[in-house]
């Protein structure tokens, strides 16, 4: 049984069809990447899963049960955490203070938070000084705090929307290693990225979206990266003319089939 399953899911915003008849499943222990151009529907799909939006049509199951969260807080309670591309941390507060915010009825004691952070550091190598002020952290450290904030709720599924877009190249590999460790712990991970080299390193399967529809879902063992790009944009990348696109995707760094 899949951890998460979307069946015939569509989403409209007025006259605009953002997603059309999406079929998608995510397994426990899997890093499942979403690949698509800007406007393909990736963020809308993530927001549906996290309860920010509700489907116009179709159904979602999570852990084998119908899943229709009333909002992000409800999705969190049911076991789905999400890290957005733009962080939601308060820069003038310490890491611990940020992690304690909004945890009514949950972990409220700073000592408990620090102890839990220590366990997460041991499990996932998420090592951030709990007493540092957030504005003094690097971008990669701030992102680790966002991930820790999700993991404190012990989610079964972690959704990461374009997380590497804000990271310097030197911090990307460490982030991908965290994704792999989270999945290897039996959780599901949905990772949105444009970089084929990142997909090649960490993904178990990749789903390609184009204009709000699923084009294909591909197991990554032995996958043809250029075929993924062809699915994403609808045509072959031409040498020279699409050089900027190829560089943006990291195609030159991705292994060929």
C-alpha atoms as a PDB file:
ATOM      1  CA  UNK A   1       0.000   0.000   0.000  1.00  0.00           C
ATOM      2  CA  UNK A   2       1.356   3.414  -0.998  1.00  0.00           C
ATOM      3  CA  UNK A   3       1.903   5.938   1.776  1.00  0.00           C
ATOM      4  CA  UNK A   4       0.254   8.687  -0.325  1.00  0.00           C
ATOM      5  CA  UNK A   5      -1.967   8.223  -3.359  1.00  0.00           C
ATOM      6  CA  UNK A   6      -3.649  10.832  -5.546  1.00  0.00           C
ATOM      7  CA  UNK A   7      -6.335   9.579  -7.924  1.00  0.00           C
ATOM      8  CA  UNK A   8      -7.736  11.792 -10.668  1.00  0.00           C
ATOM      9  CA  UNK A   9      -6.917  14.959  -8.733  1.00  0.00           C
ATOM     10  CA  UNK A  10      -7.667  18.263 -10.462  1.00  0.00           C
ATOM     11  CA  UNK A  11      -7.444  21.852  -9.241  1.00  0.00           C
ATOM     12  CA  UNK A  12      -8.974  24.929 -10.812  1.00  0.00           C
ATOM     13  CA  UNK A  13      -8.587  28.552  -9.803  1.00  0.00           C
ATOM     14  CA  UNK A  14     -11.625  30.113 -11.455  1.00  0.00           C
ATOM     15  CA  UNK A  15     -11.282  29.531 -15.195  1.00  0.00           C
ATOM     16  CA  UNK A  16      -7.645  28.396 -14.883  1.00  0.00           C
ATOM     17  CA  UNK A  17      -6.926  24.659 -14.720  1.00  0.00           C
ATOM     18  CA  UNK A  18      -3.775  24.388 -12.589  1.00  0.00           C
ATOM     19  CA  UNK A  19      -3.824  20.573 -12.327  1.00  0.00           C
ATOM     20  CA  UNK A  20      -5.732  18.076 -14.450  1.00  0.00           C
ATOM     21  CA  UNK A  21      -6.428  14.443 -13.514  1.00  0.00           C
ATOM     22  CA  UNK A  22      -3.256  13.835 -11.486  1.00  0.00           C
ATOM     23  CA  UNK A  23      -2.451  10.229 -10.572  1.00  0.00           C
ATOM     24  CA  UNK A  24       0.527   9.946  -8.229  1.00  0.00           C
ATOM     25  CA  UNK A  25       1.718   7.667  -5.447  1.00  0.00           C
ATOM     26  CA  UNK A  26       4.574   7.942  -2.947  1.00  0.00           C
ATOM     27  CA  UNK A  27       5.986   4.951  -1.081  1.00  0.00           C
ATOM     28  CA  UNK A  28       7.438   4.716   2.393  1.00  0.00           C
ATOM     29  CA  UNK A  29      11.227   4.939   2.273  1.00  0.00           C
ATOM     30  CA  UNK A  30      11.150   6.687  -1.107  1.00  0.00           C
ATOM     31  CA  UNK A  31      12.526   9.999  -2.360  1.00  0.00           C
ATOM     32  CA  UNK A  32      10.032  10.913  -5.081  1.00  0.00           C
ATOM     33  CA  UNK A  33      11.081  13.912  -7.181  1.00  0.00           C
ATOM     34  CA  UNK A  34       8.741  16.247  -9.050  1.00  0.00           C
ATOM     35  CA  UNK A  35      10.221  17.716 -12.227  1.00  0.00           C
ATOM     36  CA  UNK A  36       8.666  20.403 -14.385  1.00  0.00           C
ATOM     37  CA  UNK A  37       9.096  23.880 -15.779  1.00  0.00           C
ATOM     38  CA  UNK A  38       7.851  26.959 -13.951  1.00  0.00           C
ATOM     39  CA  UNK A  39       4.067  26.916 -14.085  1.00  0.00           C
ATOM     40  CA  UNK A  40       3.857  23.156 -14.558  1.00  0.00           C
ATOM     41  CA  UNK A  41       1.866  22.785 -11.328  1.00  0.00           C
ATOM     42  CA  UNK A  42       4.517  21.457  -8.935  1.00  0.00           C
ATOM     43  CA  UNK A  43       3.934  23.958  -6.126  1.00  0.00           C
ATOM     44  CA  UNK A  44       0.157  23.713  -6.515  1.00  0.00           C
ATOM     45  CA  UNK A  45       0.434  19.941  -6.173  1.00  0.00           C
ATOM     46  CA  UNK A  46       2.582  20.286  -3.045  1.00  0.00           C
ATOM     47  CA  UNK A  47       0.106  22.744  -1.564  1.00  0.00           C
ATOM     48  CA  UNK A  48      -2.760  20.340  -2.214  1.00  0.00           C
ATOM     49  CA  UNK A  49      -0.917  17.591  -0.383  1.00  0.00           C
ATOM     50  CA  UNK A  50      -0.172  19.936   2.530  1.00  0.00           C
ATOM     51  CA  UNK A  51      -3.725  21.208   2.804  1.00  0.00           C
ATOM     52  CA  UNK A  52      -3.126  24.769   1.596  1.00  0.00           C
ATOM     53  CA  UNK A  53      -5.590  24.136  -1.251  1.00  0.00           C
ATOM     54  CA  UNK A  54      -8.362  21.587  -1.696  1.00  0.00           C
ATOM     55  CA  UNK A  55      -8.821  19.565  -4.885  1.00  0.00           C
ATOM     56  CA  UNK A  56     -11.563  20.550  -7.284  1.00  0.00           C
ATOM     57  CA  UNK A  57     -11.961  16.883  -8.223  1.00  0.00           C
ATOM     58  CA  UNK A  58     -10.425  13.510  -7.405  1.00  0.00           C
ATOM     59  CA  UNK A  59      -9.372  11.905  -4.133  1.00  0.00           C
ATOM     60  CA  UNK A  60      -6.301  11.558  -1.906  1.00  0.00           C
ATOM     61  CA  UNK A  61      -5.465   8.752   0.506  1.00  0.00           C
ATOM     62  CA  UNK A  62      -2.720   8.869   3.125  1.00  0.00           C
ATOM     63  CA  UNK A  63      -1.670   5.770   5.020  1.00  0.00           C
ATOM     64  CA  UNK A  64      -4.547   3.907   3.362  1.00  0.00           C
ATOM     65  CA  UNK A  65      -7.238   6.281   4.666  1.00  0.00           C
ATOM     66  CA  UNK A  66      -9.094   9.128   2.912  1.00  0.00           C
ATOM     67  CA  UNK A  67      -7.140  12.365   3.290  1.00  0.00           C
ATOM     68  CA  UNK A  68      -8.843  15.765   3.061  1.00  0.00           C
ATOM     69  CA  UNK A  69      -7.058  18.136   5.454  1.00  0.00           C
ATOM     70  CA  UNK A  70      -8.813  21.330   6.457  1.00  0.00           C
ATOM     71  CA  UNK A  71      -5.517  23.204   6.298  1.00  0.00           C
ATOM     72  CA  UNK A  72      -1.760  22.881   6.890  1.00  0.00           C
ATOM     73  CA  UNK A  73      -2.173  22.463  10.666  1.00  0.00           C
ATOM     74  CA  UNK A  74      -4.515  19.532  10.027  1.00  0.00           C
ATOM     75  CA  UNK A  75      -2.051  18.019   7.525  1.00  0.00           C
ATOM     76  CA  UNK A  76       0.710  18.322  10.140  1.00  0.00           C
ATOM     77  CA  UNK A  77      -1.438  16.568  12.746  1.00  0.00           C
ATOM     78  CA  UNK A  78      -2.076  13.745  10.297  1.00  0.00           C
ATOM     79  CA  UNK A  79       1.621  13.269   9.532  1.00  0.00           C
ATOM     80  CA  UNK A  80       2.638  15.499   6.612  1.00  0.00           C
ATOM     81  CA  UNK A  81       5.276  18.218   6.990  1.00  0.00           C
ATOM     82  CA  UNK A  82       6.333  20.732   4.351  1.00  0.00           C
ATOM     83  CA  UNK A  83       9.382  22.961   3.879  1.00  0.00           C
ATOM     84  CA  UNK A  84       8.654  25.878   1.573  1.00  0.00           C
ATOM     85  CA  UNK A  85      11.218  27.573  -0.642  1.00  0.00           C
ATOM     86  CA  UNK A  86      10.851  30.776   1.387  1.00  0.00           C
ATOM     87  CA  UNK A  87      11.590  30.275   5.057  1.00  0.00           C
ATOM     88  CA  UNK A  88       9.126  31.153   7.825  1.00  0.00           C
ATOM     89  CA  UNK A  89      11.653  31.720  10.615  1.00  0.00           C
ATOM     90  CA  UNK A  90      11.888  34.826  12.815  1.00  0.00           C
ATOM     91  CA  UNK A  91      15.387  36.193  12.322  1.00  0.00           C
ATOM     92  CA  UNK A  92      15.686  37.965  15.673  1.00  0.00           C
ATOM     93  CA  UNK A  93      14.865  34.817  17.662  1.00  0.00           C
ATOM     94  CA  UNK A  94      17.077  31.858  18.532  1.00  0.00           C
ATOM     95  CA  UNK A  95      16.726  28.482  16.866  1.00  0.00           C
ATOM     96  CA  UNK A  96      15.056  27.032  19.975  1.00  0.00           C
ATOM     97  CA  UNK A  97      12.599  29.923  20.198  1.00  0.00           C
ATOM     98  CA  UNK A  98      11.634  29.406  16.552  1.00  0.00           C
ATOM     99  CA  UNK A  99      11.124  25.694  17.110  1.00  0.00           C
ATOM    100  CA  UNK A 100       8.920  26.314  20.147  1.00  0.00           C
ATOM    101  CA  UNK A 101       6.602  28.702  18.295  1.00  0.00           C
ATOM    102  CA  UNK A 102       3.117  27.369  17.566  1.00  0.00           C
ATOM    103  CA  UNK A 103       3.582  24.107  19.482  1.00  0.00           C
ATOM    104  CA  UNK A 104       0.574  24.382  21.751  1.00  0.00           C
ATOM    105  CA  UNK A 105       0.050  21.095  23.532  1.00  0.00           C
ATOM    106  CA  UNK A 106       3.289  19.701  22.137  1.00  0.00           C
ATOM    107  CA  UNK A 107       6.940  20.373  22.991  1.00  0.00           C
ATOM    108  CA  UNK A 108       7.072  23.651  24.926  1.00  0.00           C
ATOM    109  CA  UNK A 109      10.121  23.259  27.160  1.00  0.00           C
ATOM    110  CA  UNK A 110      13.421  24.504  25.689  1.00  0.00           C
ATOM    111  CA  UNK A 111      15.296  21.616  27.276  1.00  0.00           C
ATOM    112  CA  UNK A 112      13.009  19.115  25.574  1.00  0.00           C
ATOM    113  CA  UNK A 113      13.517  20.835  22.230  1.00  0.00           C
ATOM    114  CA  UNK A 114      17.301  20.793  22.620  1.00  0.00           C
ATOM    115  CA  UNK A 115      17.245  17.096  23.567  1.00  0.00           C
ATOM    116  CA  UNK A 116      15.117  16.305  20.534  1.00  0.00           C
ATOM    117  CA  UNK A 117      17.462  18.354  18.328  1.00  0.00           C
ATOM    118  CA  UNK A 118      20.359  16.250  19.642  1.00  0.00           C
ATOM    119  CA  UNK A 119      18.566  13.055  18.626  1.00  0.00           C
ATOM    120  CA  UNK A 120      17.828  14.476  15.166  1.00  0.00           C
ATOM    121  CA  UNK A 121      21.478  15.477  14.829  1.00  0.00           C
ATOM    122  CA  UNK A 122      22.489  11.904  15.590  1.00  0.00           C
ATOM    123  CA  UNK A 123      19.913  10.424  13.193  1.00  0.00           C
ATOM    124  CA  UNK A 124      20.115  12.818  10.251  1.00  0.00           C
ATOM    125  CA  UNK A 125      23.261  14.929  10.841  1.00  0.00           C
ATOM    126  CA  UNK A 126      21.127  18.049  11.269  1.00  0.00           C
ATOM    127  CA  UNK A 127      23.572  19.821  13.528  1.00  0.00           C
ATOM    128  CA  UNK A 128      22.541  23.409  14.283  1.00  0.00           C
ATOM    129  CA  UNK A 129      23.419  25.315  17.457  1.00  0.00           C
ATOM    130  CA  UNK A 130      20.063  25.675  19.250  1.00  0.00           C
ATOM    131  CA  UNK A 131      21.068  28.934  20.945  1.00  0.00           C
ATOM    132  CA  UNK A 132      22.201  30.869  17.873  1.00  0.00           C
ATOM    133  CA  UNK A 133      20.074  33.723  16.546  1.00  0.00           C
ATOM    134  CA  UNK A 134      18.534  32.731  13.209  1.00  0.00           C
ATOM    135  CA  UNK A 135      19.686  35.857  11.351  1.00  0.00           C
ATOM    136  CA  UNK A 136      23.292  34.800  12.052  1.00  0.00           C
ATOM    137  CA  UNK A 137      22.853  31.386  10.396  1.00  0.00           C
ATOM    138  CA  UNK A 138      23.828  30.524   6.832  1.00  0.00           C
ATOM    139  CA  UNK A 139      21.068  29.772   4.324  1.00  0.00           C
ATOM    140  CA  UNK A 140      21.811  26.062   4.612  1.00  0.00           C
ATOM    141  CA  UNK A 141      21.601  26.188   8.412  1.00  0.00           C
ATOM    142  CA  UNK A 142      18.269  28.016   8.234  1.00  0.00           C
ATOM    143  CA  UNK A 143      16.956  25.336   5.940  1.00  0.00           C
ATOM    144  CA  UNK A 144      18.099  22.682   8.406  1.00  0.00           C
ATOM    145  CA  UNK A 145      16.098  24.478  11.093  1.00  0.00           C
ATOM    146  CA  UNK A 146      13.009  24.322   8.856  1.00  0.00           C
ATOM    147  CA  UNK A 147      13.530  20.587   8.380  1.00  0.00           C
ATOM    148  CA  UNK A 148      14.071  20.079  12.119  1.00  0.00           C
ATOM    149  CA  UNK A 149      10.835  21.998  12.755  1.00  0.00           C
ATOM    150  CA  UNK A 150       8.996  19.491  10.548  1.00  0.00           C
ATOM    151  CA  UNK A 151      10.726  16.432  11.994  1.00  0.00           C
ATOM    152  CA  UNK A 152       9.851  17.452  15.568  1.00  0.00           C
ATOM    153  CA  UNK A 153       6.291  16.495  14.642  1.00  0.00           C
ATOM    154  CA  UNK A 154       7.471  13.024  13.528  1.00  0.00           C
ATOM    155  CA  UNK A 155       5.868  13.197  10.050  1.00  0.00           C
ATOM    156  CA  UNK A 156       5.380  10.170   7.843  1.00  0.00           C
ATOM    157  CA  UNK A 157       5.803  12.315   4.700  1.00  0.00           C
ATOM    158  CA  UNK A 158       8.083  15.327   4.140  1.00  0.00           C
ATOM    159  CA  UNK A 159       7.324  17.663   1.213  1.00  0.00           C
ATOM    160  CA  UNK A 160      10.200  19.886   0.039  1.00  0.00           C
ATOM    161  CA  UNK A 161       9.295  22.577  -2.503  1.00  0.00           C
ATOM    162  CA  UNK A 162      12.374  23.754  -4.475  1.00  0.00           C
ATOM    163  CA  UNK A 163      14.642  23.531  -1.403  1.00  0.00           C
ATOM    164  CA  UNK A 164      17.947  23.693  -3.289  1.00  0.00           C
ATOM    165  CA  UNK A 165      17.027  26.873  -5.195  1.00  0.00           C
ATOM    166  CA  UNK A 166      18.240  28.967  -2.260  1.00  0.00           C
ATOM    167  CA  UNK A 167      21.321  26.898  -1.431  1.00  0.00           C
ATOM    168  CA  UNK A 168      24.889  27.585  -2.583  1.00  0.00           C
ATOM    169  CA  UNK A 169      26.366  24.635  -4.519  1.00  0.00           C
ATOM    170  CA  UNK A 170      28.647  23.759  -1.592  1.00  0.00           C
ATOM    171  CA  UNK A 171      25.628  22.930   0.617  1.00  0.00           C
ATOM    172  CA  UNK A 172      23.501  20.971  -1.851  1.00  0.00           C
ATOM    173  CA  UNK A 173      25.140  17.564  -1.384  1.00  0.00           C
ATOM    174  CA  UNK A 174      24.731  17.743   2.398  1.00  0.00           C
ATOM    175  CA  UNK A 175      21.055  18.564   1.936  1.00  0.00           C
ATOM    176  CA  UNK A 176      20.511  15.641  -0.447  1.00  0.00           C
ATOM    177  CA  UNK A 177      22.188  13.348   2.078  1.00  0.00           C
ATOM    178  CA  UNK A 178      19.641  14.478   4.679  1.00  0.00           C
ATOM    179  CA  UNK A 179      16.807  13.684   2.234  1.00  0.00           C
ATOM    180  CA  UNK A 180      18.197  10.201   1.724  1.00  0.00           C
ATOM    181  CA  UNK A 181      18.540   9.594   5.464  1.00  0.00           C
ATOM    182  CA  UNK A 182      14.965  10.745   6.106  1.00  0.00           C
ATOM    183  CA  UNK A 183      13.656   8.333   3.465  1.00  0.00           C
ATOM    184  CA  UNK A 184      15.847   5.480   4.676  1.00  0.00           C
ATOM    185  CA  UNK A 185      14.203   5.934   8.091  1.00  0.00           C
ATOM    186  CA  UNK A 186      10.928   4.761   6.531  1.00  0.00           C
ATOM    187  CA  UNK A 187       9.396   8.141   5.754  1.00  0.00           C
ATOM    188  CA  UNK A 188       8.294   9.327   2.339  1.00  0.00           C
ATOM    189  CA  UNK A 189       9.974  12.374   0.777  1.00  0.00           C
ATOM    190  CA  UNK A 190       8.599  14.498  -2.063  1.00  0.00           C
ATOM    191  CA  UNK A 191      11.355  16.690  -3.510  1.00  0.00           C
ATOM    192  CA  UNK A 192      10.712  19.408  -6.095  1.00  0.00           C
ATOM    193  CA  UNK A 193      13.832  20.340  -8.038  1.00  0.00           C
ATOM    194  CA  UNK A 194      14.928  21.535 -11.486  1.00  0.00           C
ATOM    195  CA  UNK A 195      18.396  20.020 -11.228  1.00  0.00           C
ATOM    196  CA  UNK A 196      18.813  16.693 -12.990  1.00  0.00           C
ATOM    197  CA  UNK A 197      22.115  16.066 -11.254  1.00  0.00           C
ATOM    198  CA  UNK A 198      20.285  16.246  -7.919  1.00  0.00           C
ATOM    199  CA  UNK A 199      17.574  13.897  -9.143  1.00  0.00           C
ATOM    200  CA  UNK A 200      20.214  11.436 -10.332  1.00  0.00           C
ATOM    201  CA  UNK A 201      21.863  11.450  -6.895  1.00  0.00           C
ATOM    202  CA  UNK A 202      18.859  11.064  -4.624  1.00  0.00           C
ATOM    203  CA  UNK A 203      15.603  10.108  -6.376  1.00  0.00           C
ATOM    204  CA  UNK A 204      14.066   6.654  -6.375  1.00  0.00           C
ATOM    205  CA  UNK A 205      11.374   7.765  -8.828  1.00  0.00           C
ATOM    206  CA  UNK A 206      10.640  10.992 -10.686  1.00  0.00           C
ATOM    207  CA  UNK A 207       7.270  12.273 -11.851  1.00  0.00           C
ATOM    208  CA  UNK A 208       7.332  14.762 -14.742  1.00  0.00           C
ATOM    209  CA  UNK A 209       4.670  17.477 -14.837  1.00  0.00           C
ATOM    210  CA  UNK A 210       3.890  19.613 -17.865  1.00  0.00           C
ATOM    211  CA  UNK A 211       1.087  22.186 -18.057  1.00  0.00           C
ATOM    212  CA  UNK A 212      -0.645  20.732 -15.010  1.00  0.00           C
ATOM    213  CA  UNK A 213      -0.662  17.097 -16.115  1.00  0.00           C
ATOM    214  CA  UNK A 214       1.491  14.082 -15.296  1.00  0.00           C
ATOM    215  CA  UNK A 215       3.505  13.088 -18.351  1.00  0.00           C
ATOM    216  CA  UNK A 216       5.224  10.077 -16.791  1.00  0.00           C
ATOM    217  CA  UNK A 217       6.619   8.572 -13.599  1.00  0.00           C
ATOM    218  CA  UNK A 218      10.043   7.003 -14.074  1.00  0.00           C
ATOM    219  CA  UNK A 219      12.139   4.714 -11.830  1.00  0.00           C
ATOM    220  CA  UNK A 220      15.537   6.356 -11.652  1.00  0.00           C
ATOM    221  CA  UNK A 221      17.718   3.267 -11.855  1.00  0.00           C
ATOM    222  CA  UNK A 222      19.154   3.430 -15.376  1.00  0.00           C
ATOM    223  CA  UNK A 223      16.933   6.381 -16.341  1.00  0.00           C
ATOM    224  CA  UNK A 224      17.721   8.524 -19.397  1.00  0.00           C
ATOM    225  CA  UNK A 225      18.059  12.109 -18.155  1.00  0.00           C
ATOM    226  CA  UNK A 226      17.631  13.653 -21.589  1.00  0.00           C
ATOM    227  CA  UNK A 227      14.405  11.708 -22.015  1.00  0.00           C
ATOM    228  CA  UNK A 228      13.194  13.262 -18.747  1.00  0.00           C
ATOM    229  CA  UNK A 229      13.944  16.717 -20.120  1.00  0.00           C
ATOM    230  CA  UNK A 230      12.133  15.852 -23.352  1.00  0.00           C
ATOM    231  CA  UNK A 231       9.101  14.842 -21.299  1.00  0.00           C
ATOM    232  CA  UNK A 232       9.323  18.033 -19.276  1.00  0.00           C
ATOM    233  CA  UNK A 233       9.567  20.544 -22.143  1.00  0.00           C
ATOM    234  CA  UNK A 234       7.955  18.565 -24.954  1.00  0.00           C
ATOM    235  CA  UNK A 235      10.944  18.596 -27.318  1.00  0.00           C
ATOM    236  CA  UNK A 236      14.650  17.823 -27.498  1.00  0.00           C
ATOM    237  CA  UNK A 237      17.162  20.324 -26.126  1.00  0.00           C
ATOM    238  CA  UNK A 238      19.086  21.744 -29.064  1.00  0.00           C
ATOM    239  CA  UNK A 239      22.814  22.211 -28.546  1.00  0.00           C
ATOM    240  CA  UNK A 240      23.584  25.921 -28.304  1.00  0.00           C
ATOM    241  CA  UNK A 241      20.048  27.255 -28.576  1.00  0.00           C
ATOM    242  CA  UNK A 242      18.949  25.701 -25.282  1.00  0.00           C
ATOM    243  CA  UNK A 243      22.290  26.040 -23.540  1.00  0.00           C
ATOM    244  CA  UNK A 244      20.899  28.232 -20.767  1.00  0.00           C
ATOM    245  CA  UNK A 245      18.119  25.732 -20.085  1.00  0.00           C
ATOM    246  CA  UNK A 246      20.583  22.839 -20.039  1.00  0.00           C
ATOM    247  CA  UNK A 247      22.794  24.694 -17.579  1.00  0.00           C
ATOM    248  CA  UNK A 248      19.827  25.571 -15.363  1.00  0.00           C
ATOM    249  CA  UNK A 249      18.760  21.938 -15.253  1.00  0.00           C
ATOM    250  CA  UNK A 250      22.267  20.784 -14.492  1.00  0.00           C
ATOM    251  CA  UNK A 251      22.057  18.512 -17.507  1.00  0.00           C
ATOM    252  CA  UNK A 252      25.784  18.632 -18.134  1.00  0.00           C
ATOM    253  CA  UNK A 253      26.345  17.176 -14.656  1.00  0.00           C
ATOM    254  CA  UNK A 254      23.746  14.429 -14.888  1.00  0.00           C
ATOM    255  CA  UNK A 255      24.908  10.952 -15.862  1.00  0.00           C
ATOM    256  CA  UNK A 256      23.662   9.600 -19.164  1.00  0.00           C
ATOM    257  CA  UNK A 257      21.775   6.307 -19.325  1.00  0.00           C
END
